[in-house]
Amino acid sequence: MFRDADTAFHTPAVVPSDWAETSFFYCYVPEQRVIAWVYLMARPGVGAIKADVEINGDLSLDPWGAWYSDNQNHLPLPARLESFDLPNGLSLRAHSIRNYRIDYVGIDRTELHLDVAGLMDPFDIHDPAMDPLAVADPSRRGEGWEFGKSYANHFDMTCRVSGSLKVRGRAYDVSCVSTMDHSWGPRPEREQGPMAWLNAHFGEDYALQAIWRFEPSAKPDKQFQLAHGYALIDGRVRGVKAGSLVAHRLGRWPLGYELTLIDIDDRVHSAYGSPLSMHMWPVYGCSSVPTGLLRWHAGARVGFGTSQENHTHDRETGAQLRDSSG
């Protein structure tokens, strides 16, 4: 179980250079196809924090198609993770583990002001009482899944996001159901395991969230294996015990997803999602992530969410040489 104190740093006494603490918040205006997110990665071992603000409302195959990108990797590490102001114009206040205020004033008439309110307690992917797929033994977390080391401590939380957004002078009101996450642990920049993070929100009464093992070179029906997830139904969180995800693609680009999740009550959740906007997010120097706003259909209900597929450069480069005898 995560508590309010977990909004603060979790820095070990002897901190390795690859130790990281990350947070992700996003919002969207579906009528305009607009999605905006704030990503933070603190590196106490090197005294820096990465702060990335991205806004987009178009479909693009590259990073330059985004409407706005302010990705700064070496801002000074704040003294407190739960309350800070950064030189790039971003500030965050964690009022509790479920409630946050984010303000950002960037360049070229771009800013956002968001209140984030959790609709549930944080979902601990390592707590068997919440997650039927949890591995409670800390020494075994991440077995068979290299990216799991980065998720040694991790929660997802469905939330209500409200406020305002302005991008290069275009202003939007924000009122949506979204998902945020928070992680801490070792996060090396080499030999990360590819993974995917995906969610769908049909209202405050119904939302789906899942993390997937991901093998980009596999056949479409074998690319994803469920790692963790939940369904939020009428205020109750149901961990999922099985599921499948199939992406229909143009090259690396997902044109649509077929999603099925089975929760602990044997309820089957099925949805189909396709991107309204998307661009290649250069989240790290070692990986690129096609990220977008998806529109989901589940029976008669229409919802919205995001998909992220982490493509790692060290693993996916050099394929043309691996079968060479030279």
C-alpha atoms as a PDB file:
ATOM      1  CA  MET A   1       0.000   0.000   0.000  1.00  0.00           C
ATOM      2  CA  PHE A   2       1.271   3.456  -0.917  1.00  0.00           C
ATOM      3  CA  ARG A   3       0.865   6.386   1.457  1.00  0.00           C
ATOM      4  CA  ASP A   4       1.178  10.157   1.306  1.00  0.00           C
ATOM      5  CA  ALA A   5       4.842   9.858   2.321  1.00  0.00           C
ATOM      6  CA  ASP A   6       5.492   8.091  -0.994  1.00  0.00           C
ATOM      7  CA  THR A   7       5.164  11.384  -2.837  1.00  0.00           C
ATOM      8  CA  ALA A   8       8.644  12.204  -1.435  1.00  0.00           C
ATOM      9  CA  PHE A   9      12.013  10.899  -2.618  1.00  0.00           C
ATOM     10  CA  HIS A  10      12.902   7.226  -1.934  1.00  0.00           C
ATOM     11  CA  THR A  11      16.648   7.717  -2.377  1.00  0.00           C
ATOM     12  CA  PRO A  12      18.766   4.900  -0.861  1.00  0.00           C
ATOM     13  CA  ALA A  13      21.647   5.692   1.494  1.00  0.00           C
ATOM     14  CA  VAL A  14      24.123   4.691  -1.197  1.00  0.00           C
ATOM     15  CA  VAL A  15      22.554   5.861  -4.431  1.00  0.00           C
ATOM     16  CA  PRO A  16      23.738   4.417  -7.764  1.00  0.00           C
ATOM     17  CA  SER A  17      23.964   6.708 -10.773  1.00  0.00           C
ATOM     18  CA  ASP A  18      21.143   4.852 -12.554  1.00  0.00           C
ATOM     19  CA  TRP A  19      18.639   5.186  -9.679  1.00  0.00           C
ATOM     20  CA  ALA A  20      15.507   6.991 -10.908  1.00  0.00           C
ATOM     21  CA  GLU A  21      12.206   8.253  -9.610  1.00  0.00           C
ATOM     22  CA  THR A  22       9.606   8.884 -12.312  1.00  0.00           C
ATOM     23  CA  SER A  23       6.109  10.334 -12.588  1.00  0.00           C
ATOM     24  CA  PHE A  24       3.763  10.644 -15.559  1.00  0.00           C
ATOM     25  CA  PHE A  25       0.629  12.801 -15.789  1.00  0.00           C
ATOM     26  CA  TYR A  26      -1.490  13.401 -18.854  1.00  0.00           C
ATOM     27  CA  CYS A  27      -4.723  15.032 -19.962  1.00  0.00           C
ATOM     28  CA  TYR A  28      -6.679  15.330 -23.181  1.00  0.00           C
ATOM     29  CA  VAL A  29      -9.385  17.269 -25.005  1.00  0.00           C
ATOM     30  CA  PRO A  30     -10.931  14.560 -27.219  1.00  0.00           C
ATOM     31  CA  GLU A  31     -13.133  16.878 -29.288  1.00  0.00           C
ATOM     32  CA  GLN A  32      -9.967  18.582 -30.531  1.00  0.00           C
ATOM     33  CA  ARG A  33      -7.799  15.412 -30.579  1.00  0.00           C
ATOM     34  CA  VAL A  34      -5.399  17.159 -28.179  1.00  0.00           C
ATOM     35  CA  ILE A  35      -3.255  15.277 -25.660  1.00  0.00           C
ATOM     36  CA  ALA A  36      -0.720  16.794 -23.266  1.00  0.00           C
ATOM     37  CA  TRP A  37       1.592  15.159 -20.773  1.00  0.00           C
ATOM     38  CA  VAL A  38       4.228  15.890 -18.174  1.00  0.00           C
ATOM     39  CA  TYR A  39       6.970  13.342 -17.541  1.00  0.00           C
ATOM     40  CA  LEU A  40       9.485  13.596 -14.716  1.00  0.00           C
ATOM     41  CA  MET A  41      12.563  11.496 -14.041  1.00  0.00           C
ATOM     42  CA  ALA A  42      14.726  12.412 -11.071  1.00  0.00           C
ATOM     43  CA  ARG A  43      18.315  11.109 -10.898  1.00  0.00           C
ATOM     44  CA  PRO A  44      19.502  11.743  -7.307  1.00  0.00           C
ATOM     45  CA  GLY A  45      22.753   9.913  -8.035  1.00  0.00           C
ATOM     46  CA  VAL A  46      23.773  12.559 -10.565  1.00  0.00           C
ATOM     47  CA  GLY A  47      21.895  15.518  -9.079  1.00  0.00           C
ATOM     48  CA  ALA A  48      19.568  16.174 -12.017  1.00  0.00           C
ATOM     49  CA  ILE A  49      15.914  15.880 -12.966  1.00  0.00           C
ATOM     50  CA  LYS A  50      14.441  15.417 -16.438  1.00  0.00           C
ATOM     51  CA  ALA A  51      11.236  17.336 -17.125  1.00  0.00           C
ATOM     52  CA  ASP A  52       9.382  16.774 -20.382  1.00  0.00           C
ATOM     53  CA  VAL A  53       6.211  18.572 -21.502  1.00  0.00           C
ATOM     54  CA  GLU A  54       4.619  17.318 -24.726  1.00  0.00           C
ATOM     55  CA  ILE A  55       1.444  18.478 -26.486  1.00  0.00           C
ATOM     56  CA  ASN A  56       0.003  17.141 -29.722  1.00  0.00           C
ATOM     57  CA  GLY A  57      -3.155  17.139 -31.797  1.00  0.00           C
ATOM     58  CA  ASP A  58      -2.059  15.515 -35.068  1.00  0.00           C
ATOM     59  CA  LEU A  59      -0.954  12.164 -36.439  1.00  0.00           C
ATOM     60  CA  SER A  60       2.760  12.213 -37.198  1.00  0.00           C
ATOM     61  CA  LEU A  61       5.477   9.628 -37.823  1.00  0.00           C
ATOM     62  CA  ASP A  62       8.235  11.597 -36.121  1.00  0.00           C
ATOM     63  CA  PRO A  63       8.911  13.855 -33.099  1.00  0.00           C
ATOM     64  CA  TRP A  64       8.695  17.059 -35.153  1.00  0.00           C
ATOM     65  CA  GLY A  65       5.018  16.490 -35.844  1.00  0.00           C
ATOM     66  CA  ALA A  66       4.144  17.307 -32.234  1.00  0.00           C
ATOM     67  CA  TRP A  67       2.515  20.646 -31.496  1.00  0.00           C
ATOM     68  CA  TYR A  68       4.936  21.354 -28.649  1.00  0.00           C
ATOM     69  CA  SER A  69       7.924  19.684 -27.002  1.00  0.00           C
ATOM     70  CA  ASP A  70       9.994  20.943 -24.077  1.00  0.00           C
ATOM     71  CA  ASN A  71      12.234  18.014 -23.108  1.00  0.00           C
ATOM     72  CA  GLN A  72      15.008  19.038 -20.702  1.00  0.00           C
ATOM     73  CA  ASN A  73      17.220  16.323 -19.237  1.00  0.00           C
ATOM     74  CA  HIS A  74      19.567  18.106 -16.841  1.00  0.00           C
ATOM     75  CA  LEU A  75      17.603  20.491 -14.675  1.00  0.00           C
ATOM     76  CA  PRO A  76      18.844  20.850 -11.081  1.00  0.00           C
ATOM     77  CA  LEU A  77      17.456  18.218  -8.727  1.00  0.00           C
ATOM     78  CA  PRO A  78      14.909  19.791  -6.355  1.00  0.00           C
ATOM     79  CA  ALA A  79      15.270  19.311  -2.622  1.00  0.00           C
ATOM     80  CA  ARG A  80      11.764  17.845  -2.386  1.00  0.00           C
ATOM     81  CA  LEU A  81       9.941  15.698  -4.924  1.00  0.00           C
ATOM     82  CA  GLU A  82       6.538  16.453  -3.431  1.00  0.00           C
ATOM     83  CA  SER A  83       6.861  20.235  -3.845  1.00  0.00           C
ATOM     84  CA  PHE A  84       9.133  21.996  -6.314  1.00  0.00           C
ATOM     85  CA  ASP A  85       9.569  24.718  -8.915  1.00  0.00           C
ATOM     86  CA  LEU A  86      11.921  24.106 -11.850  1.00  0.00           C
ATOM     87  CA  PRO A  87      13.765  26.614 -14.077  1.00  0.00           C
ATOM     88  CA  ASN A  88      11.806  25.431 -17.132  1.00  0.00           C
ATOM     89  CA  GLY A  89       8.577  26.894 -15.701  1.00  0.00           C
ATOM     90  CA  LEU A  90       7.165  23.652 -14.261  1.00  0.00           C
ATOM     91  CA  SER A  91       5.947  23.361 -10.684  1.00  0.00           C
ATOM     92  CA  LEU A  92       4.296  20.493  -8.824  1.00  0.00           C
ATOM     93  CA  ARG A  93       2.578  20.231  -5.463  1.00  0.00           C
ATOM     94  CA  ALA A  94       1.597  16.798  -4.144  1.00  0.00           C
ATOM     95  CA  HIS A  95      -1.164  17.482  -1.610  1.00  0.00           C
ATOM     96  CA  SER A  96      -1.483  13.734  -0.979  1.00  0.00           C
ATOM     97  CA  ILE A  97      -0.807  10.464  -2.781  1.00  0.00           C
ATOM     98  CA  ARG A  98      -4.118  11.013  -4.616  1.00  0.00           C
ATOM     99  CA  ASN A  99      -4.095  14.773  -5.229  1.00  0.00           C
ATOM    100  CA  TYR A 100      -1.667  16.934  -7.226  1.00  0.00           C
ATOM    101  CA  ARG A 101      -1.411  20.406  -8.688  1.00  0.00           C
ATOM    102  CA  ILE A 102       0.717  20.939 -11.800  1.00  0.00           C
ATOM    103  CA  ASP A 103       1.518  24.316 -13.322  1.00  0.00           C
ATOM    104  CA  TYR A 104       3.715  25.035 -16.313  1.00  0.00           C
ATOM    105  CA  VAL A 105       4.506  28.227 -18.194  1.00  0.00           C
ATOM    106  CA  GLY A 106       6.719  27.510 -21.163  1.00  0.00           C
ATOM    107  CA  ILE A 107       7.596  29.329 -24.366  1.00  0.00           C
ATOM    108  CA  ASP A 108       5.579  30.656 -27.312  1.00  0.00           C
ATOM    109  CA  ARG A 109       2.354  31.226 -25.325  1.00  0.00           C
ATOM    110  CA  THR A 110       2.215  27.660 -24.001  1.00  0.00           C
ATOM    111  CA  GLU A 111       1.123  26.758 -20.489  1.00  0.00           C
ATOM    112  CA  LEU A 112      -0.953  24.288 -18.511  1.00  0.00           C
ATOM    113  CA  HIS A 113      -2.629  24.366 -15.113  1.00  0.00           C
ATOM    114  CA  LEU A 114      -4.015  21.067 -13.893  1.00  0.00           C
ATOM    115  CA  ASP A 115      -5.590  19.602 -10.777  1.00  0.00           C
ATOM    116  CA  VAL A 116      -5.244  15.811 -10.556  1.00  0.00           C
ATOM    117  CA  ALA A 117      -7.591  13.930  -8.198  1.00  0.00           C
ATOM    118  CA  GLY A 118      -7.359  10.168  -7.788  1.00  0.00           C
ATOM    119  CA  LEU A 119     -10.571   8.191  -8.240  1.00  0.00           C
ATOM    120  CA  MET A 120      -9.055   5.215  -6.404  1.00  0.00           C
ATOM    121  CA  ASP A 121      -6.173   4.287  -4.157  1.00  0.00           C
ATOM    122  CA  PRO A 122      -2.879   3.782  -6.019  1.00  0.00           C
ATOM    123  CA  PHE A 123      -2.731   0.328  -7.607  1.00  0.00           C
ATOM    124  CA  ASP A 124       0.374  -1.441  -6.324  1.00  0.00           C
ATOM    125  CA  ILE A 125       1.509  -3.928  -8.971  1.00  0.00           C
ATOM    126  CA  HIS A 126       3.500  -5.807  -6.298  1.00  0.00           C
ATOM    127  CA  ASP A 127       0.680  -6.243  -3.772  1.00  0.00           C
ATOM    128  CA  PRO A 128      -1.086  -9.630  -4.170  1.00  0.00           C
ATOM    129  CA  ALA A 129      -4.122  -8.206  -2.362  1.00  0.00           C
ATOM    130  CA  MET A 130      -4.594  -5.831  -5.314  1.00  0.00           C
ATOM    131  CA  ASP A 131      -2.924  -7.546  -8.241  1.00  0.00           C
ATOM    132  CA  PRO A 132      -3.388 -11.283  -8.879  1.00  0.00           C
ATOM    133  CA  LEU A 133      -0.267 -11.196 -11.078  1.00  0.00           C
ATOM    134  CA  ALA A 134       1.915  -9.592  -8.395  1.00  0.00           C
ATOM    135  CA  VAL A 135       5.297 -10.983  -7.393  1.00  0.00           C
ATOM    136  CA  ALA A 136       5.462 -10.098  -3.703  1.00  0.00           C
ATOM    137  CA  ASP A 137       9.079 -11.226  -3.171  1.00  0.00           C
ATOM    138  CA  PRO A 138      11.245  -8.130  -3.927  1.00  0.00           C
ATOM    139  CA  SER A 139      14.188 -10.336  -4.954  1.00  0.00           C
ATOM    140  CA  ARG A 140      12.112 -11.894  -7.759  1.00  0.00           C
ATOM    141  CA  ARG A 141      10.541  -8.754  -9.189  1.00  0.00           C
ATOM    142  CA  GLY A 142      11.359  -8.379 -12.841  1.00  0.00           C
ATOM    143  CA  GLU A 143      12.308 -12.033 -13.439  1.00  0.00           C
ATOM    144  CA  GLY A 144      12.108 -12.721 -17.160  1.00  0.00           C
ATOM    145  CA  TRP A 145      11.340  -9.058 -17.775  1.00  0.00           C
ATOM    146  CA  GLU A 146      14.313  -6.728 -17.669  1.00  0.00           C
ATOM    147  CA  PHE A 147      12.186  -3.607 -17.545  1.00  0.00           C
ATOM    148  CA  GLY A 148      10.765  -4.921 -14.266  1.00  0.00           C
ATOM    149  CA  LYS A 149      13.812  -3.610 -12.403  1.00  0.00           C
ATOM    150  CA  SER A 150      12.680  -0.135 -13.303  1.00  0.00           C
ATOM    151  CA  TYR A 151       9.250  -1.041 -11.939  1.00  0.00           C
ATOM    152  CA  ALA A 152      10.582  -2.461  -8.668  1.00  0.00           C
ATOM    153  CA  ASN A 153       8.229   0.032  -7.019  1.00  0.00           C
ATOM    154  CA  HIS A 154       5.322   1.233  -9.126  1.00  0.00           C
ATOM    155  CA  PHE A 155       1.714   2.313  -8.971  1.00  0.00           C
ATOM    156  CA  ASP A 156      -0.914   3.367 -11.487  1.00  0.00           C
ATOM    157  CA  MET A 157      -3.932   5.472 -10.542  1.00  0.00           C
ATOM    158  CA  THR A 158      -7.022   6.461 -12.512  1.00  0.00           C
ATOM    159  CA  CYS A 159      -7.827  10.101 -11.827  1.00  0.00           C
ATOM    160  CA  ARG A 160      -9.958  13.080 -12.717  1.00  0.00           C
ATOM    161  CA  VAL A 161      -7.946  15.879 -14.365  1.00  0.00           C
ATOM    162  CA  SER A 162      -9.349  19.407 -14.643  1.00  0.00           C
ATOM    163  CA  GLY A 163      -7.926  22.796 -15.516  1.00  0.00           C
ATOM    164  CA  SER A 164      -6.693  24.612 -18.592  1.00  0.00           C
ATOM    165  CA  LEU A 165      -4.208  24.182 -21.408  1.00  0.00           C
ATOM    166  CA  LYS A 166      -2.760  26.642 -23.891  1.00  0.00           C
ATOM    167  CA  VAL A 167      -0.473  25.622 -26.748  1.00  0.00           C
ATOM    168  CA  ARG A 168       1.115  28.330 -28.910  1.00  0.00           C
ATOM    169  CA  GLY A 169      -1.792  30.628 -28.076  1.00  0.00           C
ATOM    170  CA  ARG A 170      -4.609  28.102 -28.615  1.00  0.00           C
ATOM    171  CA  ALA A 171      -6.553  27.692 -25.354  1.00  0.00           C
ATOM    172  CA  TYR A 172      -8.520  24.661 -24.164  1.00  0.00           C
ATOM    173  CA  ASP A 173     -10.495  23.748 -21.066  1.00  0.00           C
ATOM    174  CA  VAL A 174      -9.527  20.377 -19.606  1.00  0.00           C
ATOM    175  CA  SER A 175     -11.956  17.955 -17.951  1.00  0.00           C
ATOM    176  CA  CYS A 176     -11.164  14.282 -18.431  1.00  0.00           C
ATOM    177  CA  VAL A 177     -10.561  10.944 -16.747  1.00  0.00           C
ATOM    178  CA  SER A 178      -6.953   9.880 -17.088  1.00  0.00           C
ATOM    179  CA  THR A 179      -4.259   7.701 -15.468  1.00  0.00           C
ATOM    180  CA  MET A 180      -1.031   8.752 -13.781  1.00  0.00           C
ATOM    181  CA  ASP A 181       1.835   6.615 -12.544  1.00  0.00           C
ATOM    182  CA  HIS A 182       4.866   6.748 -10.276  1.00  0.00           C
ATOM    183  CA  SER A 183       7.933   4.471 -10.099  1.00  0.00           C
ATOM    184  CA  TRP A 184      11.281   4.282  -8.388  1.00  0.00           C
ATOM    185  CA  GLY A 185      14.257   1.955  -8.602  1.00  0.00           C
ATOM    186  CA  PRO A 186      17.219   1.295 -10.915  1.00  0.00           C
ATOM    187  CA  ARG A 187      16.624   2.560 -14.453  1.00  0.00           C
ATOM    188  CA  PRO A 188      19.685   1.928 -16.629  1.00  0.00           C
ATOM    189  CA  GLU A 189      19.902   3.417 -20.088  1.00  0.00           C
ATOM    190  CA  ARG A 190      21.146   0.189 -21.678  1.00  0.00           C
ATOM    191  CA  GLU A 191      19.381  -3.171 -22.009  1.00  0.00           C
ATOM    192  CA  GLN A 192      15.971  -1.893 -21.017  1.00  0.00           C
ATOM    193  CA  GLY A 193      13.272  -4.402 -21.787  1.00  0.00           C
ATOM    194  CA  PRO A 194      10.626  -3.210 -24.257  1.00  0.00           C
ATOM    195  CA  MET A 195       7.210  -2.766 -22.666  1.00  0.00           C
ATOM    196  CA  ALA A 196       3.841  -1.118 -23.265  1.00  0.00           C
ATOM    197  CA  TRP A 197       1.530   0.955 -21.056  1.00  0.00           C
ATOM    198  CA  LEU A 198      -2.053   1.439 -22.151  1.00  0.00           C
ATOM    199  CA  ASN A 199      -5.379   2.615 -20.739  1.00  0.00           C
ATOM    200  CA  ALA A 200      -8.992   3.377 -21.674  1.00  0.00           C
ATOM    201  CA  HIS A 201     -11.433   5.588 -19.774  1.00  0.00           C
ATOM    202  CA  PHE A 202     -15.174   5.459 -20.415  1.00  0.00           C
ATOM    203  CA  GLY A 203     -16.114   7.710 -17.489  1.00  0.00           C
ATOM    204  CA  GLU A 204     -15.466   7.891 -13.770  1.00  0.00           C
ATOM    205  CA  ASP A 205     -17.449   4.657 -13.399  1.00  0.00           C
ATOM    206  CA  TYR A 206     -15.407   2.537 -15.831  1.00  0.00           C
ATOM    207  CA  ALA A 207     -11.722   2.515 -16.791  1.00  0.00           C
ATOM    208  CA  LEU A 208      -9.110  -0.044 -17.858  1.00  0.00           C
ATOM    209  CA  GLN A 209      -5.338   0.038 -17.299  1.00  0.00           C
ATOM    210  CA  ALA A 210      -2.649  -2.498 -18.245  1.00  0.00           C
ATOM    211  CA  ILE A 211       1.119  -2.934 -18.520  1.00  0.00           C
ATOM    212  CA  TRP A 212       2.471  -5.380 -21.092  1.00  0.00           C
ATOM    213  CA  ARG A 213       5.655  -7.224 -21.878  1.00  0.00           C
ATOM    214  CA  PHE A 214       6.414  -6.362 -25.479  1.00  0.00           C
ATOM    215  CA  GLU A 215       8.390  -8.095 -28.208  1.00  0.00           C
ATOM    216  CA  PRO A 216       8.340  -5.867 -31.317  1.00  0.00           C
ATOM    217  CA  SER A 217       9.792  -8.539 -33.637  1.00  0.00           C
ATOM    218  CA  ALA A 218       7.147 -11.171 -32.793  1.00  0.00           C
ATOM    219  CA  LYS A 219       4.042 -11.942 -34.834  1.00  0.00           C
ATOM    220  CA  PRO A 220       1.102  -9.586 -34.152  1.00  0.00           C
ATOM    221  CA  ASP A 221      -0.764 -11.986 -31.862  1.00  0.00           C
ATOM    222  CA  LYS A 222       2.431 -12.779 -29.897  1.00  0.00           C
ATOM    223  CA  GLN A 223       3.844  -9.287 -29.365  1.00  0.00           C
ATOM    224  CA  PHE A 224       2.186  -8.569 -26.016  1.00  0.00           C
ATOM    225  CA  GLN A 225       1.983 -10.522 -22.770  1.00  0.00           C
ATOM    226  CA  LEU A 226       0.007  -9.136 -19.858  1.00  0.00           C
ATOM    227  CA  ALA A 227       2.140  -8.103 -16.886  1.00  0.00           C
ATOM    228  CA  HIS A 228      -0.234  -6.097 -14.662  1.00  0.00           C
ATOM    229  CA  GLY A 229      -3.547  -4.306 -14.841  1.00  0.00           C
ATOM    230  CA  TYR A 230      -6.932  -3.496 -13.390  1.00  0.00           C
ATOM    231  CA  ALA A 231     -10.493  -2.522 -14.174  1.00  0.00           C
ATOM    232  CA  LEU A 232     -12.103   0.312 -12.219  1.00  0.00           C
ATOM    233  CA  ILE A 233     -15.854  -0.299 -12.085  1.00  0.00           C
ATOM    234  CA  ASP A 234     -18.206   1.915 -10.067  1.00  0.00           C
ATOM    235  CA  GLY A 235     -15.447   2.844  -7.647  1.00  0.00           C
ATOM    236  CA  ARG A 236     -14.181  -0.692  -7.094  1.00  0.00           C
ATOM    237  CA  VAL A 237     -10.781  -1.785  -8.396  1.00  0.00           C
ATOM    238  CA  ARG A 238     -10.591  -5.311  -9.803  1.00  0.00           C
ATOM    239  CA  GLY A 239      -7.132  -6.646 -10.620  1.00  0.00           C
ATOM    240  CA  VAL A 240      -6.914  -8.475 -13.937  1.00  0.00           C
ATOM    241  CA  LYS A 241      -5.595 -12.028 -14.135  1.00  0.00           C
ATOM    242  CA  ALA A 242      -5.452 -12.605 -17.896  1.00  0.00           C
ATOM    243  CA  GLY A 243      -5.724 -10.728 -21.137  1.00  0.00           C
ATOM    244  CA  SER A 244      -4.571 -10.186 -24.682  1.00  0.00           C
ATOM    245  CA  LEU A 245      -3.591  -7.265 -26.871  1.00  0.00           C
ATOM    246  CA  VAL A 246      -3.181  -7.261 -30.646  1.00  0.00           C
ATOM    247  CA  ALA A 247      -1.927  -4.218 -32.548  1.00  0.00           C
ATOM    248  CA  HIS A 248      -2.728  -3.578 -36.199  1.00  0.00           C
ATOM    249  CA  ARG A 249       0.246  -1.701 -37.627  1.00  0.00           C
ATOM    250  CA  LEU A 250       1.847   0.257 -40.368  1.00  0.00           C
ATOM    251  CA  GLY A 251       5.494  -0.495 -39.644  1.00  0.00           C
ATOM    252  CA  ARG A 252       6.070   0.442 -36.002  1.00  0.00           C
ATOM    253  CA  TRP A 253       2.929   2.550 -35.887  1.00  0.00           C
ATOM    254  CA  PRO A 254      -0.171   1.111 -34.207  1.00  0.00           C
ATOM    255  CA  LEU A 255      -3.273   1.897 -36.236  1.00  0.00           C
ATOM    256  CA  GLY A 256      -5.563   0.037 -33.841  1.00  0.00           C
ATOM    257  CA  TYR A 257      -5.621  -2.207 -30.782  1.00  0.00           C
ATOM    258  CA  GLU A 258      -7.819  -5.165 -29.891  1.00  0.00           C
ATOM    259  CA  LEU A 259      -7.857  -5.321 -26.083  1.00  0.00           C
ATOM    260  CA  THR A 260      -9.249  -8.048 -23.825  1.00  0.00           C
ATOM    261  CA  LEU A 261      -8.846  -8.179 -20.042  1.00  0.00           C
ATOM    262  CA  ILE A 262     -10.289 -10.700 -17.596  1.00  0.00           C
ATOM    263  CA  ASP A 263     -10.605  -9.472 -14.017  1.00  0.00           C
ATOM    264  CA  ILE A 264     -10.616 -11.386 -10.720  1.00  0.00           C
ATOM    265  CA  ASP A 265     -14.411 -11.715 -10.900  1.00  0.00           C
ATOM    266  CA  ASP A 266     -14.114 -13.384 -14.338  1.00  0.00           C
ATOM    267  CA  ARG A 267     -15.660 -10.382 -15.999  1.00  0.00           C
ATOM    268  CA  VAL A 268     -14.370  -9.967 -19.570  1.00  0.00           C
ATOM    269  CA  HIS A 269     -13.545  -6.462 -20.759  1.00  0.00           C
ATOM    270  CA  SER A 270     -13.164  -6.019 -24.502  1.00  0.00           C
ATOM    271  CA  ALA A 271     -12.458  -2.821 -26.411  1.00  0.00           C
ATOM    272  CA  TYR A 272     -11.041  -1.597 -29.694  1.00  0.00           C
ATOM    273  CA  GLY A 273      -8.956   1.568 -29.829  1.00  0.00           C
ATOM    274  CA  SER A 274      -7.449   3.656 -32.614  1.00  0.00           C
ATOM    275  CA  PRO A 275      -5.323   6.829 -32.457  1.00  0.00           C
ATOM    276  CA  LEU A 276      -6.780  10.299 -32.876  1.00  0.00           C
ATOM    277  CA  SER A 277      -3.333  11.862 -32.521  1.00  0.00           C
ATOM    278  CA  MET A 278       0.138  10.387 -32.159  1.00  0.00           C
ATOM    279  CA  HIS A 279       3.810  11.186 -32.544  1.00  0.00           C
ATOM    280  CA  MET A 280       7.124   9.500 -31.806  1.00  0.00           C
ATOM    281  CA  TRP A 281       8.064  10.634 -28.313  1.00  0.00           C
ATOM    282  CA  PRO A 282      11.863  10.644 -27.778  1.00  0.00           C
ATOM    283  CA  VAL A 283      11.423   9.935 -24.087  1.00  0.00           C
ATOM    284  CA  TYR A 284      15.073   8.944 -23.486  1.00  0.00           C
ATOM    285  CA  GLY A 285      18.217   9.002 -25.559  1.00  0.00           C
ATOM    286  CA  CYS A 286      18.053   5.182 -25.492  1.00  0.00           C
ATOM    287  CA  SER A 287      14.433   4.674 -26.556  1.00  0.00           C
ATOM    288  CA  SER A 288      11.563   6.110 -28.577  1.00  0.00           C
ATOM    289  CA  VAL A 289       7.885   5.716 -27.782  1.00  0.00           C
ATOM    290  CA  PRO A 290       4.961   6.216 -30.181  1.00  0.00           C
ATOM    291  CA  THR A 291       2.456   7.904 -27.872  1.00  0.00           C
ATOM    292  CA  GLY A 292      -0.986   9.179 -28.666  1.00  0.00           C
ATOM    293  CA  LEU A 293      -4.577   9.824 -27.778  1.00  0.00           C
ATOM    294  CA  LEU A 294      -6.752   6.786 -28.521  1.00  0.00           C
ATOM    295  CA  ARG A 295     -10.498   6.599 -28.970  1.00  0.00           C
ATOM    296  CA  TRP A 296     -11.866   3.354 -27.538  1.00  0.00           C
ATOM    297  CA  HIS A 297     -15.124   1.498 -28.282  1.00  0.00           C
ATOM    298  CA  ALA A 298     -16.505  -1.039 -25.811  1.00  0.00           C
ATOM    299  CA  GLY A 299     -19.960  -2.052 -26.933  1.00  0.00           C
ATOM    300  CA  ALA A 300     -22.051   1.119 -27.017  1.00  0.00           C
ATOM    301  CA  ARG A 301     -19.593   3.076 -24.863  1.00  0.00           C
ATOM    302  CA  VAL A 302     -16.915   5.381 -26.242  1.00  0.00           C
ATOM    303  CA  GLY A 303     -13.843   6.224 -24.212  1.00  0.00           C
ATOM    304  CA  PHE A 304     -10.373   7.737 -24.489  1.00  0.00           C
ATOM    305  CA  GLY A 305      -6.885   6.938 -23.278  1.00  0.00           C
ATOM    306  CA  THR A 306      -3.300   6.583 -24.345  1.00  0.00           C
ATOM    307  CA  SER A 307      -0.906   3.916 -25.568  1.00  0.00           C
ATOM    308  CA  GLN A 308       2.871   3.823 -25.172  1.00  0.00           C
ATOM    309  CA  GLU A 309       5.172   1.219 -26.695  1.00  0.00           C
ATOM    310  CA  ASN A 310       8.771   1.493 -25.519  1.00  0.00           C
ATOM    311  CA  HIS A 311      11.120   0.740 -28.443  1.00  0.00           C
ATOM    312  CA  THR A 312      14.705   0.406 -27.223  1.00  0.00           C
ATOM    313  CA  HIS A 313      17.456   1.548 -29.556  1.00  0.00           C
ATOM    314  CA  ASP A 314      20.167  -0.861 -28.413  1.00  0.00           C
ATOM    315  CA  ARG A 315      17.937  -3.917 -28.905  1.00  0.00           C
ATOM    316  CA  GLU A 316      16.260  -2.921 -32.138  1.00  0.00           C
ATOM    317  CA  THR A 317      19.281  -1.632 -34.010  1.00  0.00           C
ATOM    318  CA  GLY A 318      21.686  -3.938 -35.838  1.00  0.00           C
ATOM    319  CA  ALA A 319      19.078  -6.453 -36.996  1.00  0.00           C
ATOM    320  CA  GLN A 320      20.612  -6.450 -40.485  1.00  0.00           C
ATOM    321  CA  LEU A 321      23.947  -7.674 -39.042  1.00  0.00           C
ATOM    322  CA  ARG A 322      22.799 -10.393 -36.652  1.00  0.00           C
ATOM    323  CA  ASP A 323      22.525 -13.106 -39.308  1.00  0.00           C
ATOM    324  CA  SER A 324      25.726 -12.080 -41.029  1.00  0.00           C
ATOM    325  CA  SER A 325      28.641 -14.527 -40.992  1.00  0.00           C
ATOM    326  CA  GLY A 326      31.120 -11.677 -41.467  1.00  0.00           C
END
